[in-house]
Amino acid sequence: MELRQLRYFVAVAEHGSFTRAALAIGMEQPPLSQQIKQFERALGVTLFHRLTRGVELTDIGAALIGQAKAILAMEEDFLGFAQGLARGERGHLRVGLAGAVSLLPIIPQTIRRFREAWPEVIVSFEESNTPALSEALHDRRVDVAIVRPPVTDDRELAVYPLLDEPTVAALPSGHAYEGSGAIRLEMLANEPLIIFPRELGPGFHDAILSACQHAGFTPRMGQQAPQIAATVPLVAAGLGVSVVPQSLSQIHAGGVTFHRIEEPAPSATLAIAVLKGRPAPLVGRFIAALKDACGEWVERSQKIE
């Protein structure tokens, strides 16, 4: 059985005539009649009563016509889904997010606009640290990840820079510098520095320590936070101070004040990571959307400055 035979069967049934069906599907009437006869022989049934004027379905034909239409509808859905995948307009996109990335407004805003533009795309998320997301990419558990570079074992990963997010100093309420607008890093030289383990984000971790050294001091290492976002509650508990991405200032934790850091200040770099090679159309479309949105965000930030 061929799908075209189902289409011929449905066309004749809907038009009630070989002649009218042949005109509708753009073929001659005799070949259409032959195709229906071959189809009936293949099935071992009679689908139509041949009348003086036109045809009508037999009982068996009437019982089969609904399934024939359903199969053709499935074919159309299948073709539409396949073509949507090829254009990057349908499918399942698995996105990895490094620590606190989701708090930077441009990231969720871009994902929302992407979902609104392509409503037939299912987007799911995995939030973790950069090394774990690199492993998830290798294992194909995520399709694309927004990470804090560098990534581990980048021989198999392609990494595209997105933006450098400013950082702020997080101080506990009541701190001597609470009333200060901006602070210099050396003002925190005698404070215990709350920071996350280096293996969770070596690039950002090293940027913080390097900025402190450029400011003329080696920081006193305080309590380690289990992840980047967890530094803010530890500051609120009075365990020390921290340097965090500016987006973390959205965490309305009582007992913390956030302060701009005067230059030289570290930045929290974000990048997109995918497996090397030509990405699937959907992944490529998402990467392009992120690059465009973050590029606009950087331009607006520079104008404000």
C-alpha atoms as a PDB file:
ATOM      1  CA  MET A   1       0.000   0.000   0.000  1.00  0.00           C
ATOM      2  CA  GLU A   2       1.226   3.476  -0.843  1.00  0.00           C
ATOM      3  CA  LEU A   3       0.142   6.753   0.670  1.00  0.00           C
ATOM      4  CA  ARG A   4      -0.804   8.091  -2.743  1.00  0.00           C
ATOM      5  CA  GLN A   5      -3.383   5.298  -3.002  1.00  0.00           C
ATOM      6  CA  LEU A   6      -4.934   6.509   0.244  1.00  0.00           C
ATOM      7  CA  ARG A   7      -5.048  10.025  -1.191  1.00  0.00           C
ATOM      8  CA  TYR A   8      -6.797   8.722  -4.329  1.00  0.00           C
ATOM      9  CA  PHE A   9      -9.268   6.764  -2.182  1.00  0.00           C
ATOM     10  CA  VAL A  10     -10.135   9.826  -0.088  1.00  0.00           C
ATOM     11  CA  ALA A  11     -10.398  12.099  -3.146  1.00  0.00           C
ATOM     12  CA  VAL A  12     -12.861   9.790  -4.924  1.00  0.00           C
ATOM     13  CA  ALA A  13     -14.893   9.347  -1.728  1.00  0.00           C
ATOM     14  CA  GLU A  14     -15.092  13.103  -1.123  1.00  0.00           C
ATOM     15  CA  HIS A  15     -16.039  13.965  -4.723  1.00  0.00           C
ATOM     16  CA  GLY A  16     -18.293  10.957  -5.359  1.00  0.00           C
ATOM     17  CA  SER A  17     -16.927  10.652  -8.850  1.00  0.00           C
ATOM     18  CA  PHE A  18     -13.740   9.473 -10.548  1.00  0.00           C
ATOM     19  CA  THR A  19     -13.976  12.321 -13.041  1.00  0.00           C
ATOM     20  CA  ARG A  20     -14.340  15.090 -10.449  1.00  0.00           C
ATOM     21  CA  ALA A  21     -11.672  13.517  -8.213  1.00  0.00           C
ATOM     22  CA  ALA A  22      -9.256  13.295 -11.143  1.00  0.00           C
ATOM     23  CA  LEU A  23      -9.763  16.989 -11.903  1.00  0.00           C
ATOM     24  CA  ALA A  24      -9.235  17.913  -8.270  1.00  0.00           C
ATOM     25  CA  ILE A  25      -5.936  16.062  -7.930  1.00  0.00           C
ATOM     26  CA  GLY A  26      -4.665  16.886 -11.414  1.00  0.00           C
ATOM     27  CA  MET A  27      -4.577  13.553 -13.179  1.00  0.00           C
ATOM     28  CA  GLU A  28      -6.489  11.746 -15.921  1.00  0.00           C
ATOM     29  CA  GLN A  29      -9.606   9.768 -14.993  1.00  0.00           C
ATOM     30  CA  PRO A  30      -8.572   6.352 -16.440  1.00  0.00           C
ATOM     31  CA  PRO A  31      -5.280   6.125 -14.463  1.00  0.00           C
ATOM     32  CA  LEU A  32      -7.177   7.118 -11.295  1.00  0.00           C
ATOM     33  CA  SER A  33      -9.721   4.360 -11.862  1.00  0.00           C
ATOM     34  CA  GLN A  34      -6.893   1.889 -12.376  1.00  0.00           C
ATOM     35  CA  GLN A  35      -5.172   2.986  -9.168  1.00  0.00           C
ATOM     36  CA  ILE A  36      -8.367   2.460  -7.176  1.00  0.00           C
ATOM     37  CA  LYS A  37      -8.836  -1.014  -8.710  1.00  0.00           C
ATOM     38  CA  GLN A  38      -5.254  -1.940  -7.824  1.00  0.00           C
ATOM     39  CA  PHE A  39      -5.809  -0.641  -4.306  1.00  0.00           C
ATOM     40  CA  GLU A  40      -8.959  -2.724  -3.938  1.00  0.00           C
ATOM     41  CA  ARG A  41      -7.134  -5.828  -5.170  1.00  0.00           C
ATOM     42  CA  ALA A  42      -4.268  -5.221  -2.754  1.00  0.00           C
ATOM     43  CA  LEU A  43      -6.727  -4.898   0.139  1.00  0.00           C
ATOM     44  CA  GLY A  44      -8.971  -7.693  -1.043  1.00  0.00           C
ATOM     45  CA  VAL A  45     -12.098  -5.556  -0.681  1.00  0.00           C
ATOM     46  CA  THR A  46     -14.433  -3.415  -2.771  1.00  0.00           C
ATOM     47  CA  LEU A  47     -14.332   0.214  -1.699  1.00  0.00           C
ATOM     48  CA  PHE A  48     -16.898   1.729  -4.072  1.00  0.00           C
ATOM     49  CA  HIS A  49     -20.161   0.862  -5.727  1.00  0.00           C
ATOM     50  CA  ARG A  50     -19.809   1.991  -9.354  1.00  0.00           C
ATOM     51  CA  LEU A  51     -23.017   3.769 -10.295  1.00  0.00           C
ATOM     52  CA  THR A  52     -24.304   5.179 -13.568  1.00  0.00           C
ATOM     53  CA  ARG A  53     -23.377   8.621 -12.351  1.00  0.00           C
ATOM     54  CA  GLY A  54     -20.538   8.576  -9.929  1.00  0.00           C
ATOM     55  CA  VAL A  55     -19.662   6.226  -7.090  1.00  0.00           C
ATOM     56  CA  GLU A  56     -20.600   5.656  -3.477  1.00  0.00           C
ATOM     57  CA  LEU A  57     -18.737   3.961  -0.662  1.00  0.00           C
ATOM     58  CA  THR A  58     -19.463   0.350   0.165  1.00  0.00           C
ATOM     59  CA  ASP A  59     -19.926  -0.556   3.829  1.00  0.00           C
ATOM     60  CA  ILE A  60     -16.266  -1.576   3.980  1.00  0.00           C
ATOM     61  CA  GLY A  61     -15.221   1.628   2.195  1.00  0.00           C
ATOM     62  CA  ALA A  62     -17.240   3.681   4.685  1.00  0.00           C
ATOM     63  CA  ALA A  63     -15.554   1.843   7.563  1.00  0.00           C
ATOM     64  CA  LEU A  64     -12.073   2.526   6.155  1.00  0.00           C
ATOM     65  CA  ILE A  65     -12.420   6.136   5.024  1.00  0.00           C
ATOM     66  CA  GLY A  66     -11.979   7.574   8.543  1.00  0.00           C
ATOM     67  CA  GLN A  67      -8.746   5.667   9.106  1.00  0.00           C
ATOM     68  CA  ALA A  68      -7.487   6.667   5.669  1.00  0.00           C
ATOM     69  CA  LYS A  69      -8.031  10.342   6.504  1.00  0.00           C
ATOM     70  CA  ALA A  70      -6.366   9.880   9.892  1.00  0.00           C
ATOM     71  CA  ILE A  71      -3.284   8.303   8.290  1.00  0.00           C
ATOM     72  CA  LEU A  72      -3.023  11.154   5.796  1.00  0.00           C
ATOM     73  CA  ALA A  73      -3.386  13.690   8.603  1.00  0.00           C
ATOM     74  CA  MET A  74      -0.559  11.927  10.468  1.00  0.00           C
ATOM     75  CA  GLU A  75       1.565  12.116   7.330  1.00  0.00           C
ATOM     76  CA  GLU A  76       0.919  15.849   7.098  1.00  0.00           C
ATOM     77  CA  ASP A  77       1.757  16.321  10.784  1.00  0.00           C
ATOM     78  CA  PHE A  78       4.922  14.273  10.365  1.00  0.00           C
ATOM     79  CA  LEU A  79       6.062  16.294   7.363  1.00  0.00           C
ATOM     80  CA  GLY A  80       5.249  19.557   9.137  1.00  0.00           C
ATOM     81  CA  PHE A  81       7.184  18.484  12.230  1.00  0.00           C
ATOM     82  CA  ALA A  82      10.184  17.344  10.180  1.00  0.00           C
ATOM     83  CA  GLN A  83      10.230  20.589   8.194  1.00  0.00           C
ATOM     84  CA  GLY A  84       9.869  22.585  11.420  1.00  0.00           C
ATOM     85  CA  LEU A  85      12.877  20.753  12.861  1.00  0.00           C
ATOM     86  CA  ALA A  86      14.868  21.500   9.724  1.00  0.00           C
ATOM     87  CA  ARG A  87      14.042  25.203  10.014  1.00  0.00           C
ATOM     88  CA  GLY A  88      14.709  25.317  13.770  1.00  0.00           C
ATOM     89  CA  GLU A  89      11.082  26.189  14.511  1.00  0.00           C
ATOM     90  CA  ARG A  90      10.033  23.023  16.362  1.00  0.00           C
ATOM     91  CA  GLY A  91      11.571  20.499  18.725  1.00  0.00           C
ATOM     92  CA  HIS A  92      12.916  20.254  22.261  1.00  0.00           C
ATOM     93  CA  LEU A  93      15.703  22.622  23.329  1.00  0.00           C
ATOM     94  CA  ARG A  94      17.602  21.693  26.508  1.00  0.00           C
ATOM     95  CA  VAL A  95      19.400  24.709  27.956  1.00  0.00           C
ATOM     96  CA  GLY A  96      22.034  24.601  30.683  1.00  0.00           C
ATOM     97  CA  LEU A  97      22.441  27.620  32.960  1.00  0.00           C
ATOM     98  CA  ALA A  98      25.520  28.243  35.073  1.00  0.00           C
ATOM     99  CA  GLY A  99      25.228  29.581  38.604  1.00  0.00           C
ATOM    100  CA  ALA A 100      23.108  32.751  38.948  1.00  0.00           C
ATOM    101  CA  VAL A 101      22.890  33.211  35.153  1.00  0.00           C
ATOM    102  CA  SER A 102      19.096  33.177  35.319  1.00  0.00           C
ATOM    103  CA  LEU A 103      19.176  36.280  37.524  1.00  0.00           C
ATOM    104  CA  LEU A 104      20.652  38.436  34.766  1.00  0.00           C
ATOM    105  CA  PRO A 105      17.443  39.924  33.265  1.00  0.00           C
ATOM    106  CA  ILE A 106      18.549  39.740  29.630  1.00  0.00           C
ATOM    107  CA  ILE A 107      18.792  35.933  29.818  1.00  0.00           C
ATOM    108  CA  PRO A 108      15.209  35.106  30.914  1.00  0.00           C
ATOM    109  CA  GLN A 109      13.903  37.947  28.743  1.00  0.00           C
ATOM    110  CA  THR A 110      15.601  36.487  25.669  1.00  0.00           C
ATOM    111  CA  ILE A 111      14.336  32.986  26.452  1.00  0.00           C
ATOM    112  CA  ARG A 112      10.814  34.346  26.852  1.00  0.00           C
ATOM    113  CA  ARG A 113      10.944  36.192  23.534  1.00  0.00           C
ATOM    114  CA  PHE A 114      12.339  33.073  21.863  1.00  0.00           C
ATOM    115  CA  ARG A 115       9.468  30.951  23.198  1.00  0.00           C
ATOM    116  CA  GLU A 116       6.926  33.553  22.107  1.00  0.00           C
ATOM    117  CA  ALA A 117       8.426  33.674  18.604  1.00  0.00           C
ATOM    118  CA  TRP A 118       8.540  29.867  18.321  1.00  0.00           C
ATOM    119  CA  PRO A 119       5.673  28.543  20.466  1.00  0.00           C
ATOM    120  CA  GLU A 120       6.058  24.988  19.141  1.00  0.00           C
ATOM    121  CA  VAL A 121       9.540  24.712  20.658  1.00  0.00           C
ATOM    122  CA  ILE A 122       9.699  23.065  24.082  1.00  0.00           C
ATOM    123  CA  VAL A 123      12.444  24.616  26.258  1.00  0.00           C
ATOM    124  CA  SER A 124      13.713  22.861  29.379  1.00  0.00           C
ATOM    125  CA  PHE A 125      16.490  23.908  31.759  1.00  0.00           C
ATOM    126  CA  GLU A 126      19.277  22.419  33.815  1.00  0.00           C
ATOM    127  CA  GLU A 127      20.932  24.750  36.308  1.00  0.00           C
ATOM    128  CA  SER A 128      24.383  23.773  37.523  1.00  0.00           C
ATOM    129  CA  ASN A 129      27.995  24.926  37.567  1.00  0.00           C
ATOM    130  CA  THR A 130      30.168  25.338  34.481  1.00  0.00           C
ATOM    131  CA  PRO A 131      32.195  22.101  34.816  1.00  0.00           C
ATOM    132  CA  ALA A 132      29.000  20.061  35.310  1.00  0.00           C
ATOM    133  CA  LEU A 133      27.395  21.733  32.294  1.00  0.00           C
ATOM    134  CA  SER A 134      30.471  20.964  30.178  1.00  0.00           C
ATOM    135  CA  GLU A 135      30.010  17.320  31.102  1.00  0.00           C
ATOM    136  CA  ALA A 136      26.288  17.549  30.325  1.00  0.00           C
ATOM    137  CA  LEU A 137      27.146  18.849  26.845  1.00  0.00           C
ATOM    138  CA  HIS A 138      29.567  15.972  26.276  1.00  0.00           C
ATOM    139  CA  ASP A 139      26.905  13.494  27.447  1.00  0.00           C
ATOM    140  CA  ARG A 140      24.282  15.232  25.249  1.00  0.00           C
ATOM    141  CA  ARG A 141      22.028  15.870  28.238  1.00  0.00           C
ATOM    142  CA  VAL A 142      21.829  19.534  27.234  1.00  0.00           C
ATOM    143  CA  ASP A 143      21.997  21.075  23.754  1.00  0.00           C
ATOM    144  CA  VAL A 144      23.462  24.444  24.674  1.00  0.00           C
ATOM    145  CA  ALA A 145      24.777  25.966  27.897  1.00  0.00           C
ATOM    146  CA  ILE A 146      25.272  29.506  29.143  1.00  0.00           C
ATOM    147  CA  VAL A 147      28.460  29.215  31.168  1.00  0.00           C
ATOM    148  CA  ARG A 148      31.105  31.186  33.002  1.00  0.00           C
ATOM    149  CA  PRO A 149      34.284  30.449  30.995  1.00  0.00           C
ATOM    150  CA  PRO A 150      36.710  28.842  30.782  1.00  0.00           C
ATOM    151  CA  VAL A 151      35.105  25.453  30.224  1.00  0.00           C
ATOM    152  CA  THR A 152      36.825  22.191  31.018  1.00  0.00           C
ATOM    153  CA  ASP A 153      38.125  20.121  28.098  1.00  0.00           C
ATOM    154  CA  ASP A 154      37.171  22.675  25.452  1.00  0.00           C
ATOM    155  CA  ARG A 155      38.673  20.527  22.675  1.00  0.00           C
ATOM    156  CA  GLU A 156      35.188  19.213  21.903  1.00  0.00           C
ATOM    157  CA  LEU A 157      33.270  22.363  22.791  1.00  0.00           C
ATOM    158  CA  ALA A 158      32.764  25.583  20.871  1.00  0.00           C
ATOM    159  CA  VAL A 159      32.541  28.610  23.163  1.00  0.00           C
ATOM    160  CA  TYR A 160      31.132  31.959  22.035  1.00  0.00           C
ATOM    161  CA  PRO A 161      31.455  35.049  24.273  1.00  0.00           C
ATOM    162  CA  LEU A 162      28.240  36.796  25.254  1.00  0.00           C
ATOM    163  CA  LEU A 163      28.997  39.605  27.685  1.00  0.00           C
ATOM    164  CA  ASP A 164      30.992  40.764  30.691  1.00  0.00           C
ATOM    165  CA  GLU A 165      28.627  41.485  33.575  1.00  0.00           C
ATOM    166  CA  PRO A 166      29.766  44.110  36.112  1.00  0.00           C
ATOM    167  CA  THR A 167      30.281  43.012  39.701  1.00  0.00           C
ATOM    168  CA  VAL A 168      29.265  44.622  42.969  1.00  0.00           C
ATOM    169  CA  ALA A 169      30.445  44.305  46.547  1.00  0.00           C
ATOM    170  CA  ALA A 170      27.993  42.696  48.947  1.00  0.00           C
ATOM    171  CA  LEU A 171      28.324  43.960  52.506  1.00  0.00           C
ATOM    172  CA  PRO A 172      26.395  42.976  55.647  1.00  0.00           C
ATOM    173  CA  SER A 173      23.986  45.571  57.017  1.00  0.00           C
ATOM    174  CA  GLY A 174      25.629  47.797  59.582  1.00  0.00           C
ATOM    175  CA  HIS A 175      29.003  47.556  57.901  1.00  0.00           C
ATOM    176  CA  ALA A 176      31.248  50.600  58.226  1.00  0.00           C
ATOM    177  CA  TYR A 177      30.950  51.238  54.490  1.00  0.00           C
ATOM    178  CA  GLU A 178      27.197  50.696  54.299  1.00  0.00           C
ATOM    179  CA  GLY A 179      26.616  54.373  53.541  1.00  0.00           C
ATOM    180  CA  SER A 180      29.214  54.466  50.781  1.00  0.00           C
ATOM    181  CA  GLY A 181      27.995  54.621  47.220  1.00  0.00           C
ATOM    182  CA  ALA A 182      30.938  53.011  45.473  1.00  0.00           C
ATOM    183  CA  ILE A 183      33.859  51.338  47.149  1.00  0.00           C
ATOM    184  CA  ARG A 184      37.408  50.415  46.206  1.00  0.00           C
ATOM    185  CA  LEU A 185      38.423  46.797  46.602  1.00  0.00           C
ATOM    186  CA  GLU A 186      41.325  47.695  48.928  1.00  0.00           C
ATOM    187  CA  MET A 187      38.743  48.947  51.417  1.00  0.00           C
ATOM    188  CA  LEU A 188      37.825  45.287  51.943  1.00  0.00           C
ATOM    189  CA  ALA A 189      41.411  44.079  52.475  1.00  0.00           C
ATOM    190  CA  ASN A 190      40.852  43.198  56.144  1.00  0.00           C
ATOM    191  CA  GLU A 191      37.465  41.571  55.635  1.00  0.00           C
ATOM    192  CA  PRO A 192      36.867  37.816  55.310  1.00  0.00           C
ATOM    193  CA  LEU A 193      35.948  37.196  51.681  1.00  0.00           C
ATOM    194  CA  ILE A 194      33.076  34.809  51.054  1.00  0.00           C
ATOM    195  CA  ILE A 195      33.614  33.008  47.762  1.00  0.00           C
ATOM    196  CA  PHE A 196      32.514  29.819  46.054  1.00  0.00           C
ATOM    197  CA  PRO A 197      34.889  26.873  45.416  1.00  0.00           C
ATOM    198  CA  ARG A 198      37.148  27.458  42.428  1.00  0.00           C
ATOM    199  CA  GLU A 199      36.066  24.252  40.686  1.00  0.00           C
ATOM    200  CA  LEU A 200      32.509  25.623  40.339  1.00  0.00           C
ATOM    201  CA  GLY A 201      33.620  28.580  38.217  1.00  0.00           C
ATOM    202  CA  PRO A 202      37.374  28.929  37.842  1.00  0.00           C
ATOM    203  CA  GLY A 203      37.188  31.914  35.502  1.00  0.00           C
ATOM    204  CA  PHE A 204      35.086  34.114  37.780  1.00  0.00           C
ATOM    205  CA  HIS A 205      36.854  32.845  40.928  1.00  0.00           C
ATOM    206  CA  ASP A 206      40.264  33.773  39.503  1.00  0.00           C
ATOM    207  CA  ALA A 207      38.979  37.145  38.251  1.00  0.00           C
ATOM    208  CA  ILE A 208      37.955  38.102  41.800  1.00  0.00           C
ATOM    209  CA  LEU A 209      41.273  37.078  43.359  1.00  0.00           C
ATOM    210  CA  SER A 210      43.255  38.731  40.563  1.00  0.00           C
ATOM    211  CA  ALA A 211      41.365  42.007  41.041  1.00  0.00           C
ATOM    212  CA  CYS A 212      42.158  41.912  44.762  1.00  0.00           C
ATOM    213  CA  GLN A 213      45.843  41.364  44.020  1.00  0.00           C
ATOM    214  CA  HIS A 214      45.828  44.251  41.551  1.00  0.00           C
ATOM    215  CA  ALA A 215      44.308  46.346  44.325  1.00  0.00           C
ATOM    216  CA  GLY A 216      47.343  45.535  46.455  1.00  0.00           C
ATOM    217  CA  PHE A 217      46.196  42.785  48.798  1.00  0.00           C
ATOM    218  CA  THR A 218      45.613  39.079  49.113  1.00  0.00           C
ATOM    219  CA  PRO A 219      42.105  38.547  50.466  1.00  0.00           C
ATOM    220  CA  ARG A 220      41.412  36.806  53.734  1.00  0.00           C
ATOM    221  CA  MET A 221      39.443  33.743  52.699  1.00  0.00           C
ATOM    222  CA  GLY A 222      36.283  33.317  54.712  1.00  0.00           C
ATOM    223  CA  GLN A 223      33.390  30.898  54.527  1.00  0.00           C
ATOM    224  CA  GLN A 224      33.019  29.045  51.223  1.00  0.00           C
ATOM    225  CA  ALA A 225      29.615  29.299  49.576  1.00  0.00           C
ATOM    226  CA  PRO A 226      28.283  26.097  47.943  1.00  0.00           C
ATOM    227  CA  GLN A 227      27.376  28.105  44.830  1.00  0.00           C
ATOM    228  CA  ILE A 228      27.608  31.675  43.549  1.00  0.00           C
ATOM    229  CA  ALA A 229      24.077  32.720  44.553  1.00  0.00           C
ATOM    230  CA  ALA A 230      24.610  31.338  48.071  1.00  0.00           C
ATOM    231  CA  THR A 231      27.205  34.015  48.847  1.00  0.00           C
ATOM    232  CA  VAL A 232      24.502  36.613  49.490  1.00  0.00           C
ATOM    233  CA  PRO A 233      22.785  34.771  52.411  1.00  0.00           C
ATOM    234  CA  LEU A 234      26.196  34.136  53.983  1.00  0.00           C
ATOM    235  CA  VAL A 235      26.962  37.866  53.798  1.00  0.00           C
ATOM    236  CA  ALA A 236      23.559  38.563  55.377  1.00  0.00           C
ATOM    237  CA  ALA A 237      24.553  36.212  58.218  1.00  0.00           C
ATOM    238  CA  GLY A 238      27.534  38.471  58.933  1.00  0.00           C
ATOM    239  CA  LEU A 239      30.183  35.926  57.910  1.00  0.00           C
ATOM    240  CA  GLY A 240      32.057  38.355  55.690  1.00  0.00           C
ATOM    241  CA  VAL A 241      31.841  40.310  52.436  1.00  0.00           C
ATOM    242  CA  SER A 242      31.697  39.147  48.846  1.00  0.00           C
ATOM    243  CA  VAL A 243      32.103  40.202  45.226  1.00  0.00           C
ATOM    244  CA  VAL A 244      29.177  39.005  43.137  1.00  0.00           C
ATOM    245  CA  PRO A 245      27.672  39.541  39.679  1.00  0.00           C
ATOM    246  CA  GLN A 246      25.538  42.680  39.611  1.00  0.00           C
ATOM    247  CA  SER A 247      22.427  40.622  38.858  1.00  0.00           C
ATOM    248  CA  LEU A 248      22.616  39.066  42.338  1.00  0.00           C
ATOM    249  CA  SER A 249      21.636  42.438  43.787  1.00  0.00           C
ATOM    250  CA  GLN A 250      18.107  41.447  42.735  1.00  0.00           C
ATOM    251  CA  ILE A 251      18.070  38.960  45.594  1.00  0.00           C
ATOM    252  CA  HIS A 252      16.153  40.875  48.207  1.00  0.00           C
ATOM    253  CA  ALA A 253      17.891  39.297  51.166  1.00  0.00           C
ATOM    254  CA  GLY A 254      17.533  41.376  54.291  1.00  0.00           C
ATOM    255  CA  GLY A 255      20.810  42.312  55.904  1.00  0.00           C
ATOM    256  CA  VAL A 256      22.822  42.975  52.735  1.00  0.00           C
ATOM    257  CA  THR A 257      23.767  46.129  50.875  1.00  0.00           C
ATOM    258  CA  PHE A 258      25.259  46.166  47.375  1.00  0.00           C
ATOM    259  CA  HIS A 259      27.859  48.680  46.195  1.00  0.00           C
ATOM    260  CA  ARG A 260      29.422  49.512  42.864  1.00  0.00           C
ATOM    261  CA  ILE A 261      33.141  48.717  42.733  1.00  0.00           C
ATOM    262  CA  GLU A 262      35.473  51.394  41.408  1.00  0.00           C
ATOM    263  CA  GLU A 263      37.911  50.356  38.701  1.00  0.00           C
ATOM    264  CA  PRO A 264      39.809  48.140  38.442  1.00  0.00           C
ATOM    265  CA  ALA A 265      36.910  45.795  39.144  1.00  0.00           C
ATOM    266  CA  PRO A 266      36.450  42.173  38.148  1.00  0.00           C
ATOM    267  CA  SER A 267      33.733  41.189  35.687  1.00  0.00           C
ATOM    268  CA  ALA A 268      31.612  38.064  35.470  1.00  0.00           C
ATOM    269  CA  THR A 269      32.022  36.770  31.918  1.00  0.00           C
ATOM    270  CA  LEU A 270      29.248  34.764  30.264  1.00  0.00           C
ATOM    271  CA  ALA A 271      29.543  32.629  27.143  1.00  0.00           C
ATOM    272  CA  ILE A 272      27.586  30.071  25.136  1.00  0.00           C
ATOM    273  CA  ALA A 273      28.986  26.559  24.903  1.00  0.00           C
ATOM    274  CA  VAL A 274      27.916  23.851  22.439  1.00  0.00           C
ATOM    275  CA  LEU A 275      29.496  20.742  21.001  1.00  0.00           C
ATOM    276  CA  LYS A 276      31.793  21.520  18.085  1.00  0.00           C
ATOM    277  CA  GLY A 277      30.447  20.960  14.608  1.00  0.00           C
ATOM    278  CA  ARG A 278      27.433  22.347  12.857  1.00  0.00           C
ATOM    279  CA  PRO A 279      24.680  22.786  15.477  1.00  0.00           C
ATOM    280  CA  ALA A 280      21.124  21.626  14.892  1.00  0.00           C
ATOM    281  CA  PRO A 281      18.960  24.369  13.307  1.00  0.00           C
ATOM    282  CA  LEU A 282      17.049  24.935  16.562  1.00  0.00           C
ATOM    283  CA  VAL A 283      20.284  25.307  18.568  1.00  0.00           C
ATOM    284  CA  GLY A 284      21.705  27.655  15.942  1.00  0.00           C
ATOM    285  CA  ARG A 285      18.567  29.792  16.039  1.00  0.00           C
ATOM    286  CA  PHE A 286      18.761  30.023  19.847  1.00  0.00           C
ATOM    287  CA  ILE A 287      22.464  30.941  19.801  1.00  0.00           C
ATOM    288  CA  ALA A 288      21.785  33.697  17.280  1.00  0.00           C
ATOM    289  CA  ALA A 289      18.955  35.066  19.442  1.00  0.00           C
ATOM    290  CA  LEU A 290      21.194  35.133  22.532  1.00  0.00           C
ATOM    291  CA  LYS A 291      24.086  36.783  20.714  1.00  0.00           C
ATOM    292  CA  ASP A 292      21.841  39.494  19.281  1.00  0.00           C
ATOM    293  CA  ALA A 293      20.108  40.202  22.601  1.00  0.00           C
ATOM    294  CA  CYS A 294      23.332  40.288  24.615  1.00  0.00           C
ATOM    295  CA  GLY A 295      25.006  42.470  21.997  1.00  0.00           C
ATOM    296  CA  GLU A 296      22.170  44.986  22.335  1.00  0.00           C
ATOM    297  CA  TRP A 297      22.416  44.751  26.139  1.00  0.00           C
ATOM    298  CA  VAL A 298      26.145  45.576  26.008  1.00  0.00           C
ATOM    299  CA  GLU A 299      25.509  48.561  23.731  1.00  0.00           C
ATOM    300  CA  ARG A 300      22.823  49.943  26.035  1.00  0.00           C
ATOM    301  CA  SER A 301      25.077  49.447  29.074  1.00  0.00           C
ATOM    302  CA  GLN A 302      27.923  51.322  27.416  1.00  0.00           C
ATOM    303  CA  LYS A 303      25.651  54.241  26.528  1.00  0.00           C
ATOM    304  CA  ILE A 304      24.451  54.461  30.137  1.00  0.00           C
ATOM    305  CA  GLU A 305      28.038  54.539  31.343  1.00  0.00           C
END
